[in-house]
Amino acid sequence: MAKPRVFVTRRLPGTALARLAAETEMHLWEGELPPPREVLLAEAREAEGLLTLLTDRVDRELLAQAPRLRAVSNMAVGYDNIDVAACTERCIAVGNTPGVLTETTADFAFALLMAAARRVVEADAFVRAGKWKTWDPGLLLGQDVHGATLGIAGMGQIGQAVARRARGFGMRILYTDEVARPQIEAETGAQRVDKDTLVREADFLTLHLPLTPQTRHFIGARELAMMKPTAWLINTSRGPVVDQRALAAALAAGRPAGAALDVTDPEPIPMDDPLLRLPNVILAPHIASASLATRTRMAEMAVDNLLAALAGQRPPHCVNPELFA
């Protein structure tokens, strides 16, 4: 019996791909950058399964050219790169990799918060430029994290993990979410507030929202103007959750104080983007989940999802479980 043909859009950490290659006819894109659109479309025409990253768009155009496709496994928690409804119409199972990156991403969100508060990036550049001449009581004064107000937009698993870290720093925790979270409120003292209160009162505003039509530009010119002039915006969710043009204008005008971003719109950020010219911006290349252990586990989960779907079984982490009802 012929093995199912699958296409993997990038090399992955760990040994998951060796397991996939043993059970399928695996075609792997070896390039450092994502496969060009024409390559993805060509591979999809013959594939029964796709293992994709968030950089790979699986839309109706691709599905129309992929008559054999039965499974799409996305190595990410989010799946806004996949038209799930269109896949469901075609009875194509879609999997993702939730849960495993919660703590790692929360670590990085808090790392950005700390770096912003204590001006770590500026301090490193200061030393490397040979500007450190003596101990100076007024040098690179930052903000205290303990006792500050943390605003969390989106109290899902990652938002809750950030709240637990904030409790250890004695922070006042505010959050906004579609539903109340009584358990995390009891555990951390977090208080659910409306969006405007969250934006106005936060010393550090951290975003943990999925990208949906409702959350696109969740933070725009209006919200930025409401933030404290001393506040920092932190985003480890998705770039389009923030109106990036409005953010650049607001930061240039000095309100809020700065932004620490792991995600941008688009990605990678264009080298002529005005954010790159601003000293009050910390930028990272979408690495919030980039610990070796977490990325290795994500790869294993993605392969598990794909192999299960190709065997006609419900993937362990299925985005459209109604196919298996």
C-alpha atoms as a PDB file:
ATOM      1  CA  MET A   1       0.000   0.000   0.000  1.00  0.00           C
ATOM      2  CA  ALA A   2       1.422   3.369  -1.007  1.00  0.00           C
ATOM      3  CA  LYS A   3       2.364   5.740   1.748  1.00  0.00           C
ATOM      4  CA  PRO A   4       0.457   9.065   1.850  1.00  0.00           C
ATOM      5  CA  ARG A   5       2.311  11.971   0.304  1.00  0.00           C
ATOM      6  CA  VAL A   6       2.874  14.950   2.607  1.00  0.00           C
ATOM      7  CA  PHE A   7       4.596  18.287   2.217  1.00  0.00           C
ATOM      8  CA  VAL A   8       6.406  19.966   5.119  1.00  0.00           C
ATOM      9  CA  THR A   9       7.088  23.655   4.649  1.00  0.00           C
ATOM     10  CA  ARG A  10      10.219  23.914   6.825  1.00  0.00           C
ATOM     11  CA  ARG A  11      12.788  21.931   8.741  1.00  0.00           C
ATOM     12  CA  LEU A  12      11.715  21.436  12.370  1.00  0.00           C
ATOM     13  CA  PRO A  13      13.652  20.946  15.636  1.00  0.00           C
ATOM     14  CA  GLY A  14      14.047  17.492  17.112  1.00  0.00           C
ATOM     15  CA  THR A  15      13.332  14.131  15.526  1.00  0.00           C
ATOM     16  CA  ALA A  16       9.641  14.489  14.647  1.00  0.00           C
ATOM     17  CA  LEU A  17      10.315  14.691  10.919  1.00  0.00           C
ATOM     18  CA  ALA A  18      12.245  11.430  10.968  1.00  0.00           C
ATOM     19  CA  ARG A  19       9.118   9.767  12.362  1.00  0.00           C
ATOM     20  CA  LEU A  20       6.965  11.408   9.712  1.00  0.00           C
ATOM     21  CA  ALA A  21       9.356  10.372   6.939  1.00  0.00           C
ATOM     22  CA  ALA A  22       9.165   6.742   8.108  1.00  0.00           C
ATOM     23  CA  GLU A  23       5.387   6.648   7.767  1.00  0.00           C
ATOM     24  CA  THR A  24       4.773   8.838   4.719  1.00  0.00           C
ATOM     25  CA  GLU A  25       6.233   9.907   1.411  1.00  0.00           C
ATOM     26  CA  MET A  26       7.547  13.147   2.864  1.00  0.00           C
ATOM     27  CA  HIS A  27       8.577  16.098   0.736  1.00  0.00           C
ATOM     28  CA  LEU A  28      10.443  18.755   2.704  1.00  0.00           C
ATOM     29  CA  TRP A  29      11.140  22.363   1.772  1.00  0.00           C
ATOM     30  CA  GLU A  30      14.806  22.829   2.641  1.00  0.00           C
ATOM     31  CA  GLY A  31      15.001  26.598   2.266  1.00  0.00           C
ATOM     32  CA  GLU A  32      15.624  29.012   5.114  1.00  0.00           C
ATOM     33  CA  LEU A  33      12.666  31.148   4.035  1.00  0.00           C
ATOM     34  CA  PRO A  34       9.090  29.866   3.581  1.00  0.00           C
ATOM     35  CA  PRO A  35       8.385  28.109   0.279  1.00  0.00           C
ATOM     36  CA  PRO A  36       7.301  30.541  -2.434  1.00  0.00           C
ATOM     37  CA  ARG A  37       3.593  30.556  -3.126  1.00  0.00           C
ATOM     38  CA  GLU A  38       4.008  28.764  -6.440  1.00  0.00           C
ATOM     39  CA  VAL A  39       5.957  25.970  -4.720  1.00  0.00           C
ATOM     40  CA  LEU A  40       3.333  25.581  -2.007  1.00  0.00           C
ATOM     41  CA  LEU A  41       0.576  25.395  -4.616  1.00  0.00           C
ATOM     42  CA  ALA A  42       2.486  22.876  -6.722  1.00  0.00           C
ATOM     43  CA  GLU A  43       3.179  20.620  -3.732  1.00  0.00           C
ATOM     44  CA  ALA A  44      -0.418  20.893  -2.531  1.00  0.00           C
ATOM     45  CA  ARG A  45      -1.675  19.560  -5.872  1.00  0.00           C
ATOM     46  CA  GLU A  46      -0.153  16.163  -5.076  1.00  0.00           C
ATOM     47  CA  ALA A  47      -0.262  16.159  -1.281  1.00  0.00           C
ATOM     48  CA  GLU A  48      -2.616  14.289   1.002  1.00  0.00           C
ATOM     49  CA  GLY A  49      -1.254  16.138   4.005  1.00  0.00           C
ATOM     50  CA  LEU A  50       0.403  19.494   4.700  1.00  0.00           C
ATOM     51  CA  LEU A  51       2.483  20.421   7.736  1.00  0.00           C
ATOM     52  CA  THR A  52       2.473  24.190   7.730  1.00  0.00           C
ATOM     53  CA  LEU A  53       3.740  27.144   9.736  1.00  0.00           C
ATOM     54  CA  LEU A  54       1.925  30.416  10.325  1.00  0.00           C
ATOM     55  CA  THR A  55       3.778  31.852   7.326  1.00  0.00           C
ATOM     56  CA  ASP A  56       2.020  29.452   4.930  1.00  0.00           C
ATOM     57  CA  ARG A  57      -1.409  30.528   3.650  1.00  0.00           C
ATOM     58  CA  VAL A  58      -3.890  27.706   3.173  1.00  0.00           C
ATOM     59  CA  ASP A  59      -6.871  29.347   1.494  1.00  0.00           C
ATOM     60  CA  ARG A  60      -9.553  28.546  -1.049  1.00  0.00           C
ATOM     61  CA  GLU A  61      -7.148  29.122  -3.923  1.00  0.00           C
ATOM     62  CA  LEU A  62      -4.849  26.403  -2.593  1.00  0.00           C
ATOM     63  CA  LEU A  63      -7.670  24.028  -1.704  1.00  0.00           C
ATOM     64  CA  ALA A  64      -9.142  24.316  -5.203  1.00  0.00           C
ATOM     65  CA  GLN A  65      -5.859  22.949  -6.552  1.00  0.00           C
ATOM     66  CA  ALA A  66      -5.433  20.192  -3.961  1.00  0.00           C
ATOM     67  CA  PRO A  67      -7.907  17.413  -4.787  1.00  0.00           C
ATOM     68  CA  ARG A  68      -6.118  14.788  -2.681  1.00  0.00           C
ATOM     69  CA  LEU A  69      -5.643  16.888   0.448  1.00  0.00           C
ATOM     70  CA  ARG A  70      -7.062  15.311   3.611  1.00  0.00           C
ATOM     71  CA  ALA A  71      -5.174  16.973   6.458  1.00  0.00           C
ATOM     72  CA  VAL A  72      -3.475  20.251   7.381  1.00  0.00           C
ATOM     73  CA  SER A  73      -1.376  20.386  10.535  1.00  0.00           C
ATOM     74  CA  ASN A  74      -0.291  23.862  11.619  1.00  0.00           C
ATOM     75  CA  MET A  75       2.735  24.062  13.915  1.00  0.00           C
ATOM     76  CA  ALA A  76       1.317  26.972  15.903  1.00  0.00           C
ATOM     77  CA  VAL A  77      -1.393  27.720  18.408  1.00  0.00           C
ATOM     78  CA  GLY A  78      -3.012  30.238  16.087  1.00  0.00           C
ATOM     79  CA  TYR A  79      -4.369  29.249  12.691  1.00  0.00           C
ATOM     80  CA  ASP A  80      -5.367  32.554  11.118  1.00  0.00           C
ATOM     81  CA  ASN A  81      -3.233  31.503   8.122  1.00  0.00           C
ATOM     82  CA  ILE A  82      -5.725  28.701   7.384  1.00  0.00           C
ATOM     83  CA  ASP A  83      -9.250  29.030   6.045  1.00  0.00           C
ATOM     84  CA  VAL A  84     -10.717  26.530   8.465  1.00  0.00           C
ATOM     85  CA  ALA A  85     -14.259  26.893   7.131  1.00  0.00           C
ATOM     86  CA  ALA A  86     -13.107  26.056   3.619  1.00  0.00           C
ATOM     87  CA  CYS A  87     -11.182  23.050   4.916  1.00  0.00           C
ATOM     88  CA  THR A  88     -14.230  21.841   6.815  1.00  0.00           C
ATOM     89  CA  GLU A  89     -16.345  22.105   3.669  1.00  0.00           C
ATOM     90  CA  ARG A  90     -13.840  19.792   2.005  1.00  0.00           C
ATOM     91  CA  CYS A  91     -13.711  17.435   5.018  1.00  0.00           C
ATOM     92  CA  ILE A  92     -10.054  18.301   5.553  1.00  0.00           C
ATOM     93  CA  ALA A  93      -8.982  17.951   9.176  1.00  0.00           C
ATOM     94  CA  VAL A  94      -7.037  20.876  10.619  1.00  0.00           C
ATOM     95  CA  GLY A  95      -4.748  20.543  13.631  1.00  0.00           C
ATOM     96  CA  ASN A  96      -2.773  22.995  15.749  1.00  0.00           C
ATOM     97  CA  THR A  97      -0.367  22.868  18.702  1.00  0.00           C
ATOM     98  CA  PRO A  98      -1.985  24.538  21.723  1.00  0.00           C
ATOM     99  CA  GLY A  99      -0.989  24.464  25.377  1.00  0.00           C
ATOM    100  CA  VAL A 100       2.630  23.446  24.995  1.00  0.00           C
ATOM    101  CA  LEU A 101       3.936  26.959  24.439  1.00  0.00           C
ATOM    102  CA  THR A 102       1.923  28.686  27.181  1.00  0.00           C
ATOM    103  CA  GLU A 103       4.616  28.924  29.832  1.00  0.00           C
ATOM    104  CA  THR A 104       7.422  29.621  27.370  1.00  0.00           C
ATOM    105  CA  THR A 105       5.501  32.460  25.743  1.00  0.00           C
ATOM    106  CA  ALA A 106       4.561  33.897  29.126  1.00  0.00           C
ATOM    107  CA  ASP A 107       8.238  33.833  30.096  1.00  0.00           C
ATOM    108  CA  PHE A 108       9.103  35.856  27.009  1.00  0.00           C
ATOM    109  CA  ALA A 109       6.279  38.352  27.495  1.00  0.00           C
ATOM    110  CA  PHE A 110       7.587  38.990  30.980  1.00  0.00           C
ATOM    111  CA  ALA A 111      11.146  39.174  29.659  1.00  0.00           C
ATOM    112  CA  LEU A 112      10.040  41.965  27.308  1.00  0.00           C
ATOM    113  CA  LEU A 113       8.285  43.700  30.180  1.00  0.00           C
ATOM    114  CA  MET A 114      11.398  43.559  32.332  1.00  0.00           C
ATOM    115  CA  ALA A 115      13.664  44.665  29.497  1.00  0.00           C
ATOM    116  CA  ALA A 116      11.393  47.641  28.844  1.00  0.00           C
ATOM    117  CA  ALA A 117      11.047  48.635  32.482  1.00  0.00           C
ATOM    118  CA  ARG A 118      14.762  48.480  33.252  1.00  0.00           C
ATOM    119  CA  ARG A 119      16.060  49.635  29.847  1.00  0.00           C
ATOM    120  CA  VAL A 120      18.140  46.510  29.323  1.00  0.00           C
ATOM    121  CA  VAL A 121      18.507  46.912  25.546  1.00  0.00           C
ATOM    122  CA  GLU A 122      19.584  50.539  25.883  1.00  0.00           C
ATOM    123  CA  ALA A 123      22.045  49.603  28.635  1.00  0.00           C
ATOM    124  CA  ASP A 124      23.664  46.910  26.520  1.00  0.00           C
ATOM    125  CA  ALA A 125      24.079  49.329  23.593  1.00  0.00           C
ATOM    126  CA  PHE A 126      25.450  51.979  25.965  1.00  0.00           C
ATOM    127  CA  VAL A 127      28.181  49.665  27.246  1.00  0.00           C
ATOM    128  CA  ARG A 128      29.104  48.339  23.781  1.00  0.00           C
ATOM    129  CA  ALA A 129      29.426  51.901  22.472  1.00  0.00           C
ATOM    130  CA  GLY A 130      32.063  52.679  25.104  1.00  0.00           C
ATOM    131  CA  LYS A 131      29.899  55.250  26.867  1.00  0.00           C
ATOM    132  CA  TRP A 132      30.149  53.707  30.352  1.00  0.00           C
ATOM    133  CA  LYS A 133      32.608  55.976  32.177  1.00  0.00           C
ATOM    134  CA  THR A 134      31.575  55.725  35.830  1.00  0.00           C
ATOM    135  CA  TRP A 135      28.766  54.843  38.205  1.00  0.00           C
ATOM    136  CA  ASP A 136      26.178  57.550  37.760  1.00  0.00           C
ATOM    137  CA  PRO A 137      23.147  57.911  40.067  1.00  0.00           C
ATOM    138  CA  GLY A 138      21.083  59.296  37.205  1.00  0.00           C
ATOM    139  CA  LEU A 139      22.137  56.843  34.487  1.00  0.00           C
ATOM    140  CA  LEU A 140      19.453  54.915  32.586  1.00  0.00           C
ATOM    141  CA  LEU A 141      16.766  55.263  35.218  1.00  0.00           C
ATOM    142  CA  GLY A 142      13.920  52.875  34.576  1.00  0.00           C
ATOM    143  CA  GLN A 143      10.600  51.937  36.132  1.00  0.00           C
ATOM    144  CA  ASP A 144       9.851  49.601  38.997  1.00  0.00           C
ATOM    145  CA  VAL A 145       7.925  46.477  38.092  1.00  0.00           C
ATOM    146  CA  HIS A 146       6.935  45.560  41.640  1.00  0.00           C
ATOM    147  CA  GLY A 147       3.824  47.443  42.608  1.00  0.00           C
ATOM    148  CA  ALA A 148       3.088  48.582  39.051  1.00  0.00           C
ATOM    149  CA  THR A 149      -0.234  47.972  37.307  1.00  0.00           C
ATOM    150  CA  LEU A 150      -0.243  45.256  34.661  1.00  0.00           C
ATOM    151  CA  GLY A 151      -3.039  45.277  32.090  1.00  0.00           C
ATOM    152  CA  ILE A 152      -3.673  41.957  30.355  1.00  0.00           C
ATOM    153  CA  ALA A 153      -5.771  41.985  27.194  1.00  0.00           C
ATOM    154  CA  GLY A 154      -6.958  38.406  26.751  1.00  0.00           C
ATOM    155  CA  MET A 155      -6.989  36.161  29.826  1.00  0.00           C
ATOM    156  CA  GLY A 156      -6.609  32.848  28.055  1.00  0.00           C
ATOM    157  CA  GLN A 157      -3.954  30.322  29.021  1.00  0.00           C
ATOM    158  CA  ILE A 158      -1.013  32.592  28.191  1.00  0.00           C
ATOM    159  CA  GLY A 159      -2.603  35.639  29.797  1.00  0.00           C
ATOM    160  CA  GLN A 160      -3.211  33.609  32.951  1.00  0.00           C
ATOM    161  CA  ALA A 161       0.414  32.424  32.985  1.00  0.00           C
ATOM    162  CA  VAL A 162       1.560  36.049  32.730  1.00  0.00           C
ATOM    163  CA  ALA A 163      -0.769  36.979  35.600  1.00  0.00           C
ATOM    164  CA  ARG A 164       0.821  34.320  37.803  1.00  0.00           C
ATOM    165  CA  ARG A 165       4.248  35.777  37.103  1.00  0.00           C
ATOM    166  CA  ALA A 166       2.980  39.277  37.833  1.00  0.00           C
ATOM    167  CA  ARG A 167       1.623  38.145  41.187  1.00  0.00           C
ATOM    168  CA  GLY A 168       5.153  37.147  42.172  1.00  0.00           C
ATOM    169  CA  PHE A 169       6.236  40.736  41.528  1.00  0.00           C
ATOM    170  CA  GLY A 170       3.438  42.154  43.641  1.00  0.00           C
ATOM    171  CA  MET A 171       1.799  43.826  40.661  1.00  0.00           C
ATOM    172  CA  ARG A 172      -1.767  45.082  40.542  1.00  0.00           C
ATOM    173  CA  ILE A 173      -3.368  43.021  37.780  1.00  0.00           C
ATOM    174  CA  LEU A 174      -6.221  44.203  35.573  1.00  0.00           C
ATOM    175  CA  TYR A 175      -7.592  42.249  32.639  1.00  0.00           C
ATOM    176  CA  THR A 176     -10.193  42.330  29.922  1.00  0.00           C
ATOM    177  CA  ASP A 177     -11.689  39.230  28.384  1.00  0.00           C
ATOM    178  CA  GLU A 178     -14.944  38.102  26.805  1.00  0.00           C
ATOM    179  CA  VAL A 179     -15.664  36.015  29.891  1.00  0.00           C
ATOM    180  CA  ALA A 180     -14.880  36.384  33.572  1.00  0.00           C
ATOM    181  CA  ARG A 181     -12.051  34.230  34.931  1.00  0.00           C
ATOM    182  CA  PRO A 182     -12.936  33.699  38.614  1.00  0.00           C
ATOM    183  CA  GLN A 183     -10.257  31.064  39.218  1.00  0.00           C
ATOM    184  CA  ILE A 184      -7.353  33.252  38.108  1.00  0.00           C
ATOM    185  CA  GLU A 185      -8.939  36.205  39.919  1.00  0.00           C
ATOM    186  CA  ALA A 186      -8.907  34.210  43.161  1.00  0.00           C
ATOM    187  CA  GLU A 187      -5.368  32.985  42.515  1.00  0.00           C
ATOM    188  CA  THR A 188      -3.749  36.297  41.574  1.00  0.00           C
ATOM    189  CA  GLY A 189      -6.094  39.045  42.693  1.00  0.00           C
ATOM    190  CA  ALA A 190      -6.685  40.054  39.067  1.00  0.00           C
ATOM    191  CA  GLN A 191      -9.648  42.339  38.445  1.00  0.00           C
ATOM    192  CA  ARG A 192     -11.754  42.239  35.288  1.00  0.00           C
ATOM    193  CA  VAL A 193     -12.350  45.717  33.836  1.00  0.00           C
ATOM    194  CA  ASP A 194     -13.567  47.221  30.603  1.00  0.00           C
ATOM    195  CA  LYS A 195     -11.148  47.938  27.782  1.00  0.00           C
ATOM    196  CA  ASP A 196     -10.923  51.682  28.389  1.00  0.00           C
ATOM    197  CA  THR A 197     -10.113  51.229  32.071  1.00  0.00           C
ATOM    198  CA  LEU A 198      -7.481  48.656  31.188  1.00  0.00           C
ATOM    199  CA  VAL A 199      -5.799  50.968  28.690  1.00  0.00           C
ATOM    200  CA  ARG A 200      -5.941  54.045  30.930  1.00  0.00           C
ATOM    201  CA  GLU A 201      -4.633  52.480  34.120  1.00  0.00           C
ATOM    202  CA  ALA A 202      -1.963  50.029  32.934  1.00  0.00           C
ATOM    203  CA  ASP A 203       1.694  50.824  33.468  1.00  0.00           C
ATOM    204  CA  PHE A 204       2.427  47.823  31.268  1.00  0.00           C
ATOM    205  CA  LEU A 205      -0.231  46.660  28.780  1.00  0.00           C
ATOM    206  CA  THR A 206       0.398  43.161  27.423  1.00  0.00           C
ATOM    207  CA  LEU A 207      -1.613  41.637  24.585  1.00  0.00           C
ATOM    208  CA  HIS A 208      -2.595  37.956  24.481  1.00  0.00           C
ATOM    209  CA  LEU A 209      -5.393  37.926  21.927  1.00  0.00           C
ATOM    210  CA  PRO A 210      -6.060  35.668  18.945  1.00  0.00           C
ATOM    211  CA  LEU A 211      -6.237  37.483  15.620  1.00  0.00           C
ATOM    212  CA  THR A 212      -9.876  37.725  14.559  1.00  0.00           C
ATOM    213  CA  PRO A 213     -11.874  40.387  12.717  1.00  0.00           C
ATOM    214  CA  GLN A 214     -12.910  41.669  16.143  1.00  0.00           C
ATOM    215  CA  THR A 215      -9.373  41.930  17.539  1.00  0.00           C
ATOM    216  CA  ARG A 216      -7.681  43.416  14.472  1.00  0.00           C
ATOM    217  CA  HIS A 217      -6.375  46.850  15.519  1.00  0.00           C
ATOM    218  CA  PHE A 218      -7.594  46.225  19.070  1.00  0.00           C
ATOM    219  CA  ILE A 219      -5.028  48.866  19.942  1.00  0.00           C
ATOM    220  CA  GLY A 220      -5.276  51.882  17.645  1.00  0.00           C
ATOM    221  CA  ALA A 221      -4.841  55.634  17.793  1.00  0.00           C
ATOM    222  CA  ARG A 222      -7.714  56.064  20.238  1.00  0.00           C
ATOM    223  CA  GLU A 223      -6.360  53.552  22.730  1.00  0.00           C
ATOM    224  CA  LEU A 224      -2.772  54.754  22.413  1.00  0.00           C
ATOM    225  CA  ALA A 225      -3.858  58.315  23.220  1.00  0.00           C
ATOM    226  CA  MET A 226      -5.520  57.014  26.394  1.00  0.00           C
ATOM    227  CA  MET A 227      -2.404  55.255  27.722  1.00  0.00           C
ATOM    228  CA  LYS A 228      -0.220  56.812  30.396  1.00  0.00           C
ATOM    229  CA  PRO A 229       2.759  58.720  28.965  1.00  0.00           C
ATOM    230  CA  THR A 230       4.939  56.429  31.120  1.00  0.00           C
ATOM    231  CA  ALA A 231       3.260  53.173  30.005  1.00  0.00           C
ATOM    232  CA  TRP A 232       4.672  50.431  27.791  1.00  0.00           C
ATOM    233  CA  LEU A 233       2.808  48.282  25.280  1.00  0.00           C
ATOM    234  CA  ILE A 234       3.908  44.639  24.966  1.00  0.00           C
ATOM    235  CA  ASN A 235       2.704  42.370  22.164  1.00  0.00           C
ATOM    236  CA  THR A 236       3.489  38.671  21.856  1.00  0.00           C
ATOM    237  CA  SER A 237       0.197  37.703  20.164  1.00  0.00           C
ATOM    238  CA  ARG A 238      -0.204  38.764  16.523  1.00  0.00           C
ATOM    239  CA  GLY A 239       1.054  41.906  14.805  1.00  0.00           C
ATOM    240  CA  PRO A 240      -2.268  43.107  13.356  1.00  0.00           C
ATOM    241  CA  VAL A 241      -3.799  43.281  16.829  1.00  0.00           C
ATOM    242  CA  VAL A 242      -2.036  46.670  16.898  1.00  0.00           C
ATOM    243  CA  ASP A 243      -2.456  49.434  14.324  1.00  0.00           C
ATOM    244  CA  GLN A 244       1.247  49.689  13.610  1.00  0.00           C
ATOM    245  CA  ARG A 245       1.083  53.013  11.784  1.00  0.00           C
ATOM    246  CA  ALA A 246      -0.803  54.564  14.689  1.00  0.00           C
ATOM    247  CA  LEU A 247       1.702  53.047  17.116  1.00  0.00           C
ATOM    248  CA  ALA A 248       4.678  54.582  15.324  1.00  0.00           C
ATOM    249  CA  ALA A 249       3.020  57.997  15.353  1.00  0.00           C
ATOM    250  CA  ALA A 250       2.098  57.730  19.028  1.00  0.00           C
ATOM    251  CA  LEU A 251       5.568  56.596  20.082  1.00  0.00           C
ATOM    252  CA  ALA A 252       7.192  59.385  18.098  1.00  0.00           C
ATOM    253  CA  ALA A 253       4.957  61.820  19.972  1.00  0.00           C
ATOM    254  CA  GLY A 254       5.974  60.302  23.316  1.00  0.00           C
ATOM    255  CA  ARG A 255       2.734  58.651  24.409  1.00  0.00           C
ATOM    256  CA  PRO A 256       2.969  55.864  25.428  1.00  0.00           C
ATOM    257  CA  ALA A 257       6.567  55.675  26.617  1.00  0.00           C
ATOM    258  CA  GLY A 258       7.463  52.697  24.454  1.00  0.00           C
ATOM    259  CA  ALA A 259       6.593  49.355  22.935  1.00  0.00           C
ATOM    260  CA  ALA A 260       8.165  45.904  23.156  1.00  0.00           C
ATOM    261  CA  LEU A 261       7.066  43.773  20.231  1.00  0.00           C
ATOM    262  CA  ASP A 262       7.693  40.150  19.342  1.00  0.00           C
ATOM    263  CA  VAL A 263       5.257  40.393  16.426  1.00  0.00           C
ATOM    264  CA  THR A 264       4.717  43.005  13.732  1.00  0.00           C
ATOM    265  CA  ASP A 265       2.496  43.684  10.742  1.00  0.00           C
ATOM    266  CA  PRO A 266       3.799  42.481   8.343  1.00  0.00           C
ATOM    267  CA  GLU A 267       6.447  39.980   9.314  1.00  0.00           C
ATOM    268  CA  PRO A 268       9.301  40.381   8.986  1.00  0.00           C
ATOM    269  CA  ILE A 269       9.111  44.101   9.622  1.00  0.00           C
ATOM    270  CA  PRO A 270      10.205  46.096   6.525  1.00  0.00           C
ATOM    271  CA  MET A 271      13.530  47.825   7.017  1.00  0.00           C
ATOM    272  CA  ASP A 272      11.981  51.195   6.173  1.00  0.00           C
ATOM    273  CA  ASP A 273       9.307  50.880   8.867  1.00  0.00           C
ATOM    274  CA  PRO A 274       9.355  53.949  11.150  1.00  0.00           C
ATOM    275  CA  LEU A 275       9.387  51.754  14.263  1.00  0.00           C
ATOM    276  CA  LEU A 276      12.987  50.814  13.457  1.00  0.00           C
ATOM    277  CA  ARG A 277      14.030  54.451  13.764  1.00  0.00           C
ATOM    278  CA  LEU A 278      12.538  54.941  17.219  1.00  0.00           C
ATOM    279  CA  PRO A 279      14.711  54.481  20.327  1.00  0.00           C
ATOM    280  CA  ASN A 280      11.712  53.573  22.513  1.00  0.00           C
ATOM    281  CA  VAL A 281      10.908  50.340  20.689  1.00  0.00           C
ATOM    282  CA  ILE A 282      12.210  46.848  21.477  1.00  0.00           C
ATOM    283  CA  LEU A 283      11.786  44.390  18.612  1.00  0.00           C
ATOM    284  CA  ALA A 284      12.179  40.613  18.511  1.00  0.00           C
ATOM    285  CA  PRO A 285      11.683  38.284  15.501  1.00  0.00           C
ATOM    286  CA  HIS A 286       8.604  36.335  16.709  1.00  0.00           C
ATOM    287  CA  ILE A 287      10.505  34.140  19.153  1.00  0.00           C
ATOM    288  CA  ALA A 288       8.182  34.051  22.184  1.00  0.00           C
ATOM    289  CA  SER A 289       7.837  30.256  21.950  1.00  0.00           C
ATOM    290  CA  ALA A 290      11.429  29.698  20.880  1.00  0.00           C
ATOM    291  CA  SER A 291      12.823  27.453  23.551  1.00  0.00           C
ATOM    292  CA  LEU A 292      14.355  24.213  22.324  1.00  0.00           C
ATOM    293  CA  ALA A 293      12.045  22.083  24.454  1.00  0.00           C
ATOM    294  CA  THR A 294       8.887  23.888  23.390  1.00  0.00           C
ATOM    295  CA  ARG A 295       9.598  24.026  19.683  1.00  0.00           C
ATOM    296  CA  THR A 296      10.597  20.348  19.714  1.00  0.00           C
ATOM    297  CA  ARG A 297       7.333  19.439  21.425  1.00  0.00           C
ATOM    298  CA  MET A 298       5.364  21.576  18.952  1.00  0.00           C
ATOM    299  CA  ALA A 299       6.940  19.650  16.089  1.00  0.00           C
ATOM    300  CA  GLU A 300       5.974  16.335  17.712  1.00  0.00           C
ATOM    301  CA  MET A 301       2.387  17.526  18.179  1.00  0.00           C
ATOM    302  CA  ALA A 302       2.162  18.703  14.587  1.00  0.00           C
ATOM    303  CA  VAL A 303       3.330  15.308  13.335  1.00  0.00           C
ATOM    304  CA  ASP A 304       0.928  13.529  15.698  1.00  0.00           C
ATOM    305  CA  ASN A 305      -1.959  15.575  14.306  1.00  0.00           C
ATOM    306  CA  LEU A 306      -1.003  14.902  10.710  1.00  0.00           C
ATOM    307  CA  LEU A 307      -0.500  11.159  11.096  1.00  0.00           C
ATOM    308  CA  ALA A 308      -3.782  10.744  12.966  1.00  0.00           C
ATOM    309  CA  ALA A 309      -5.764  12.644  10.332  1.00  0.00           C
ATOM    310  CA  LEU A 310      -4.165  10.680   7.500  1.00  0.00           C
ATOM    311  CA  ALA A 311      -5.194   7.494   9.290  1.00  0.00           C
ATOM    312  CA  GLY A 312      -8.791   8.698   9.338  1.00  0.00           C
ATOM    313  CA  GLN A 313      -8.695   9.476  13.054  1.00  0.00           C
ATOM    314  CA  ARG A 314      -9.421  12.713  14.873  1.00  0.00           C
ATOM    315  CA  PRO A 315      -6.160  14.628  15.425  1.00  0.00           C
ATOM    316  CA  PRO A 316      -5.246  14.954  19.108  1.00  0.00           C
ATOM    317  CA  HIS A 317      -5.521  18.730  18.733  1.00  0.00           C
ATOM    318  CA  CYS A 318      -8.238  19.337  16.162  1.00  0.00           C
ATOM    319  CA  VAL A 319      -9.471  22.786  15.117  1.00  0.00           C
ATOM    320  CA  ASN A 320     -12.567  21.454  13.326  1.00  0.00           C
ATOM    321  CA  PRO A 321     -13.674  18.497  15.481  1.00  0.00           C
ATOM    322  CA  GLU A 322     -17.155  18.545  13.966  1.00  0.00           C
ATOM    323  CA  LEU A 323     -15.715  16.440  11.149  1.00  0.00           C
ATOM    324  CA  PHE A 324     -15.419  13.574  13.606  1.00  0.00           C
ATOM    325  CA  ALA A 325     -18.739  13.968  15.404  1.00  0.00           C
END
